Protein backbone atom coordinates (compact mmCIF):
# COMPACT_ATOMS: atom_id res chain seq x y z
CA MET A 1 9.83 -7.99 8.18
CA SER A 2 12.11 -10.42 6.37
CA GLY A 3 10.45 -13.71 5.59
CA VAL A 4 7.00 -12.56 6.62
CA MET A 5 5.70 -11.28 3.33
CA ALA A 6 5.92 -14.34 1.09
CA ILE A 7 2.70 -15.49 -0.51
CA ILE A 8 1.49 -18.97 0.45
CA PRO A 9 2.80 -21.58 -2.03
CA TYR A 10 0.44 -22.79 -4.72
CA GLN A 11 -2.60 -24.50 -3.22
CA VAL A 12 -5.54 -24.95 -5.56
CA ASN A 13 -8.35 -27.47 -5.66
CA SER A 14 -8.78 -27.14 -9.39
CA CYS A 15 -7.43 -24.97 -12.19
CA VAL A 16 -9.25 -23.38 -15.09
CA SER A 17 -8.02 -21.65 -18.23
CA GLY A 18 -9.08 -19.10 -18.20
CA ASN A 19 8.62 13.80 -10.35
CA ILE A 20 6.29 14.74 -7.41
CA ILE A 21 2.88 13.57 -6.49
CA ASN A 22 0.16 16.22 -6.12
CA PHE A 23 -1.87 15.71 -2.99
CA PRO A 24 -5.56 16.54 -2.59
CA THR A 25 -6.59 19.95 -1.31
CA LYS A 26 -5.35 20.89 2.14
CA SER A 27 -8.75 20.45 3.71
CA ARG A 28 -9.10 16.96 2.24
CA GLU A 29 -5.54 16.07 3.27
CA ARG A 30 -6.11 17.33 6.81
CA ARG A 31 -9.35 15.37 7.11
CA CYS A 32 -7.69 12.15 5.88
CA SER A 33 -4.76 12.67 8.24
CA THR A 34 -6.99 12.99 11.28
CA GLU A 35 -9.41 10.20 10.36
CA MET A 36 -7.02 7.49 9.21
CA SER A 37 -4.40 5.88 11.37
CA PHE A 38 -1.74 3.41 10.22
CA LEU A 39 -0.20 0.11 11.22
CA GLN A 40 2.29 1.17 13.86
CA ASN A 41 4.68 -1.78 14.11
CA ASP A 42 5.63 -5.17 12.70
CA GLU A 43 3.30 -6.97 15.09
CA GLU A 44 0.25 -5.12 13.77
CA ILE A 45 1.34 -5.69 10.17
CA ARG A 46 1.79 -9.41 10.81
CA ALA A 47 -1.61 -9.60 12.50
CA VAL A 48 -3.38 -8.11 9.47
CA TYR A 49 -1.20 -10.13 7.10
CA ASN A 50 -2.24 -13.35 8.82
CA VAL A 51 -5.92 -12.47 8.36
CA PHE A 52 -5.36 -12.01 4.62
CA ARG A 53 -3.40 -15.25 4.52
CA GLY A 54 -6.16 -17.09 6.39
CA TYR A 55 -8.64 -16.30 3.63
CA ILE A 56 -6.37 -18.10 1.16
CA ALA A 57 -6.07 -21.15 3.38
CA ASN A 58 -9.85 -21.31 3.87
CA ALA A 59 -10.89 -20.60 0.27
CA SER A 60 -13.42 -23.22 -0.85
CA THR A 61 -13.39 -22.36 -4.56
CA LEU A 62 -10.81 -21.22 -7.07
CA LYS A 63 -12.60 -17.90 -7.46
CA LYS A 64 -12.43 -17.25 -3.72
CA GLU A 65 -8.77 -18.24 -3.64
CA LYS A 66 -7.98 -15.93 -6.54
CA ASN A 67 -9.65 -13.01 -4.75
CA ALA A 68 -7.87 -13.88 -1.51
CA ARG A 69 -4.48 -14.04 -3.20
CA ARG A 70 -5.16 -10.75 -4.98
CA ASN A 71 -6.07 -9.14 -1.65
CA LEU A 72 -2.97 -10.41 0.14
CA THR A 73 -0.79 -9.26 -2.75
CA MET A 74 -2.40 -5.82 -2.60
CA PHE A 75 -1.81 -5.52 1.13
CA VAL A 76 1.88 -6.37 0.98
CA CYS A 77 2.51 -4.24 -2.10
CA ALA A 78 0.57 -1.23 -0.79
CA ILE A 79 2.63 -0.88 2.39
CA ASN A 80 5.83 -1.19 0.35
CA ILE A 81 5.13 1.38 -2.37
CA GLY A 82 3.09 4.19 -0.81
CA LEU A 83 0.75 5.09 -3.67
CA ARG A 84 -2.67 6.59 -3.10
CA GLY A 85 -5.41 3.98 -3.02
CA GLY A 86 -7.01 5.03 -6.30
CA ASP A 87 -3.73 4.96 -8.21
CA PHE A 88 -2.65 1.73 -6.57
CA CYS A 89 -5.84 -0.10 -7.62
CA LYS A 90 -5.21 0.94 -11.24
CA LEU A 91 -1.68 -0.39 -11.54
CA LYS A 92 -1.07 -2.40 -14.70
CA TRP A 93 1.41 -5.19 -15.20
CA SER A 94 3.40 -2.88 -17.49
CA ASP A 95 3.92 -0.49 -14.56
CA VAL A 96 5.88 -3.19 -12.76
CA PHE A 97 7.19 -5.64 -15.39
CA ASP A 98 9.21 -5.14 -18.57
CA TYR A 99 8.60 -6.90 -21.88
CA ASP A 100 10.49 -9.97 -20.66
CA TRP A 101 8.24 -10.15 -17.59
CA ASP A 102 11.04 -9.20 -15.23
CA VAL A 103 10.31 -6.72 -12.45
CA LYS A 104 11.66 -3.30 -13.40
CA GLN A 105 14.23 -1.53 -11.26
CA GLU A 106 11.99 1.53 -11.32
CA SER A 107 9.05 2.78 -13.32
CA GLU A 108 7.54 6.14 -14.24
CA PHE A 109 3.90 6.42 -13.23
CA VAL A 110 1.35 9.20 -13.70
CA PRO A 111 -0.91 9.65 -10.65
CA GLU A 112 -4.44 10.40 -11.74
CA LYS A 113 -4.64 13.69 -9.84
CA THR A 114 -1.63 15.11 -11.70
CA GLU A 115 -3.21 14.86 -15.17
CA ARG A 116 -4.81 17.97 -16.60
CA ARG A 117 -7.17 17.85 -19.58
CA ASP A 118 -8.82 20.48 -21.75
CA LYS A 119 -12.53 20.68 -22.55
CA ASN A 120 -12.04 18.09 -25.30
CA GLU A 121 -10.46 15.66 -22.82
CA ASN A 122 -7.03 16.00 -24.40
CA ILE A 123 -4.15 15.74 -21.93
CA THR A 124 -2.52 19.15 -21.50
CA SER A 125 -0.07 18.32 -18.71
CA ARG A 126 0.95 15.49 -16.43
CA LYS A 127 3.48 14.81 -13.71
CA TYR A 128 5.37 11.59 -13.17
CA VAL A 129 6.39 9.82 -10.02
CA LYS A 130 9.08 7.15 -9.95
CA LEU A 131 7.98 3.83 -8.55
CA ARG A 132 10.71 1.80 -6.88
CA PHE A 133 10.12 -1.79 -5.86
CA ASN A 134 11.76 -3.32 -2.80
CA GLN A 135 12.32 -7.03 -2.25
CA ASN A 136 9.01 -7.59 -0.47
CA PHE A 137 7.15 -6.00 -3.36
CA ARG A 138 9.13 -7.89 -6.04
CA ASP A 139 8.75 -11.28 -4.37
CA THR A 140 5.05 -10.84 -3.66
CA ILE A 141 4.00 -9.55 -7.08
CA SER A 142 6.09 -12.22 -8.84
CA GLU A 143 4.57 -14.98 -6.70
CA TYR A 144 1.09 -13.72 -7.56
CA LEU A 145 1.91 -13.67 -11.28
CA ASN A 146 3.31 -17.21 -11.12
CA TRP A 147 0.17 -18.42 -9.35
CA LEU A 148 -2.07 -16.86 -12.00
CA LYS A 149 -0.06 -18.56 -14.75
CA PHE A 150 -0.13 -21.84 -12.85
CA CYS A 151 -3.92 -21.66 -12.92
CA GLY A 152 -4.08 -20.96 -16.65
CA CYS A 153 -4.42 -17.18 -16.45
CA ASN A 154 -1.97 -15.42 -18.75
CA PRO A 155 -2.26 -11.67 -18.26
CA ASP A 156 -1.11 -9.13 -20.82
CA LEU A 157 1.14 -6.25 -19.83
CA ASP A 158 -1.73 -3.83 -20.50
CA ASP A 159 -4.06 -5.64 -18.10
CA TYR A 160 -4.78 -4.36 -14.62
CA ILE A 161 -2.89 -6.28 -11.94
CA PHE A 162 -5.64 -6.21 -9.34
CA GLU A 163 -8.73 -7.25 -11.27
CA SER A 164 -12.26 -7.26 -9.92
CA ASN A 165 -14.58 -10.18 -10.59
CA LYS A 166 -15.99 -8.15 -13.49
CA GLY A 167 -12.61 -7.95 -15.23
CA ASN A 168 -11.89 -4.29 -14.54
CA HIS A 169 -9.54 -3.10 -11.80
CA ILE A 170 -10.80 -3.43 -8.25
CA ASP A 171 -12.57 -0.28 -7.08
CA GLU A 172 -10.87 1.77 -4.37
CA LYS A 173 -14.04 1.69 -2.25
CA ALA A 174 -14.12 -2.09 -2.44
CA TRP A 175 -10.45 -2.26 -1.47
CA TYR A 176 -11.11 0.14 1.42
CA LYS A 177 -13.87 -2.11 2.75
CA ILE A 178 -11.61 -5.16 2.56
CA VAL A 179 -8.82 -3.43 4.48
CA GLU A 180 -11.23 -2.19 7.14
CA ARG A 181 -12.90 -5.58 7.61
CA TYR A 182 -9.61 -7.44 7.85
CA ARG A 183 -7.94 -4.97 10.23
CA MET A 184 -10.95 -5.35 12.55
CA GLU A 185 -10.59 -9.13 12.37
CA ALA A 186 -6.93 -8.66 13.29
CA GLY A 187 -7.95 -6.73 16.40
CA ILE A 188 -6.80 -3.31 15.17
CA ASN A 189 -9.28 -0.83 16.64
CA ARG A 190 -8.28 2.18 14.55
CA LYS A 191 -9.43 3.15 11.06
CA ILE A 192 -6.77 2.27 8.52
CA GLY A 193 -8.36 2.11 5.09
CA THR A 194 -6.41 2.61 1.88
CA HIS A 195 -4.99 5.94 3.03
CA GLY A 196 -3.69 4.35 6.21
CA LEU A 197 -1.68 1.83 4.15
CA ARG A 198 0.03 4.77 2.44
CA LYS A 199 0.79 6.28 5.85
CA THR A 200 2.06 2.89 7.02
CA TYR A 201 4.58 3.01 4.17
CA GLY A 202 5.71 6.48 5.28
CA HIS A 203 6.07 5.47 8.93
CA ARG A 204 8.02 2.33 8.06
CA TYR A 205 10.28 4.24 5.65
CA TYR A 206 11.12 6.78 8.34
CA MET A 207 11.69 4.23 11.08
CA SER A 208 13.83 2.00 8.83
CA HIS A 209 16.13 4.82 7.68
CA GLN A 210 19.40 5.21 9.56
CA ASN A 211 19.42 8.97 8.96
CA LYS A 212 16.07 10.41 10.09
CA GLU A 213 16.77 13.81 8.56
CA GLU A 214 17.37 12.25 5.15
CA ALA A 215 14.29 10.07 5.58
CA LEU A 216 12.16 13.13 6.30
CA ILE A 217 13.49 14.93 3.23
CA ASP A 218 12.77 11.84 1.10
CA LEU A 219 9.22 11.57 2.38
CA MET A 220 8.51 15.25 1.89
CA GLY A 221 9.36 14.71 -1.77
CA ILE A 222 7.42 11.45 -2.08
CA PHE A 223 4.30 12.95 -0.49
CA ALA A 224 4.78 16.47 -1.94
CA HIS A 225 4.73 18.15 1.46
CA SER A 226 6.23 21.63 1.78
CA ASP A 227 6.42 21.57 5.59
CA MET A 228 8.22 18.88 7.57
CA ARG A 229 5.67 19.21 10.37
CA VAL A 230 2.98 18.05 7.96
CA THR A 231 5.06 15.01 7.07
CA LEU A 232 5.84 14.20 10.71
CA ARG A 233 2.13 14.36 11.60
CA TYR A 234 1.21 12.40 8.49
CA ILE A 235 3.41 9.44 9.38
CA GLY A 236 2.58 9.63 13.09
CA ILE A 237 6.04 10.60 14.31
CA MET A 238 5.08 13.93 15.87
CA GLY A 239 2.37 12.37 18.02
CA GLU A 240 4.67 9.54 19.12
CA ARG A 241 7.42 12.00 20.03
CA ILE A 242 5.11 14.23 22.05
CA ALA A 243 3.68 11.23 23.93
CA ALA A 244 7.19 9.92 24.69
CA ASN A 245 8.39 13.31 25.94
CA GLN A 246 5.31 13.70 28.13
CA GLU A 247 6.13 10.36 29.74
CA ARG A 248 9.67 11.53 30.38
CA MET A 249 8.26 14.57 32.17
CA CYS A 250 6.67 12.37 34.82
CA MET A 251 8.06 12.63 38.32
CA SER A 252 7.41 11.04 41.68
CA TYR A 253 5.23 12.99 44.09
CA ASP A 254 5.86 10.67 47.00
CA GLU A 255 7.25 12.44 50.03
CA ASP A 256 10.62 11.39 51.38
């Protein structure tokens, strides 16, 4: 995917100032796994990417361009980090950048589902996951930050990265609808949604790793799976392997 994931250079009409993740319950996880597919190869990723990019090129106002650039940034970052949709939408600049506004090598993050509170809403326990940022993620998030500054927006480290038009973070449901609309425009006829972007990360991680056994162990830890079969189904490998083996079973029934 080298070279594909760079944000479009600045194009504006005007500027204004302006350690383990807990998964949902097994029934919820099973339902998500069966309902949501993922982007299966680079061609599908590029097709969806180009739809996101097209909205930037066709933006008629600064507000529309800002939303389009946010959406493209979210797409690229989501398939390169693997967070759940709800946690991903709530990322803050401080989760990615240090005090000098350089991208961190890694960052500790508390997924929402791992926090436990008492009846007075005091935090009683929490679990951390390490976020690691690859080159696609670093380039894309930095380009987005530079564009915001170019347009007079100067975010604070405590601000949400992916803001809605109301100033809060974008809602996961809104992000889900964007992903679904754009994947349909790209000709992808399978549900993807926010969960499918997380599964896309897992599939790409596995396929990119030279040692598949190590990749599987890594992903079991990242996704907090206790059974490798769950992980293989989750990232689509088991289904692909079965289909490939069934094809290899085929024989010719023509008589000599």
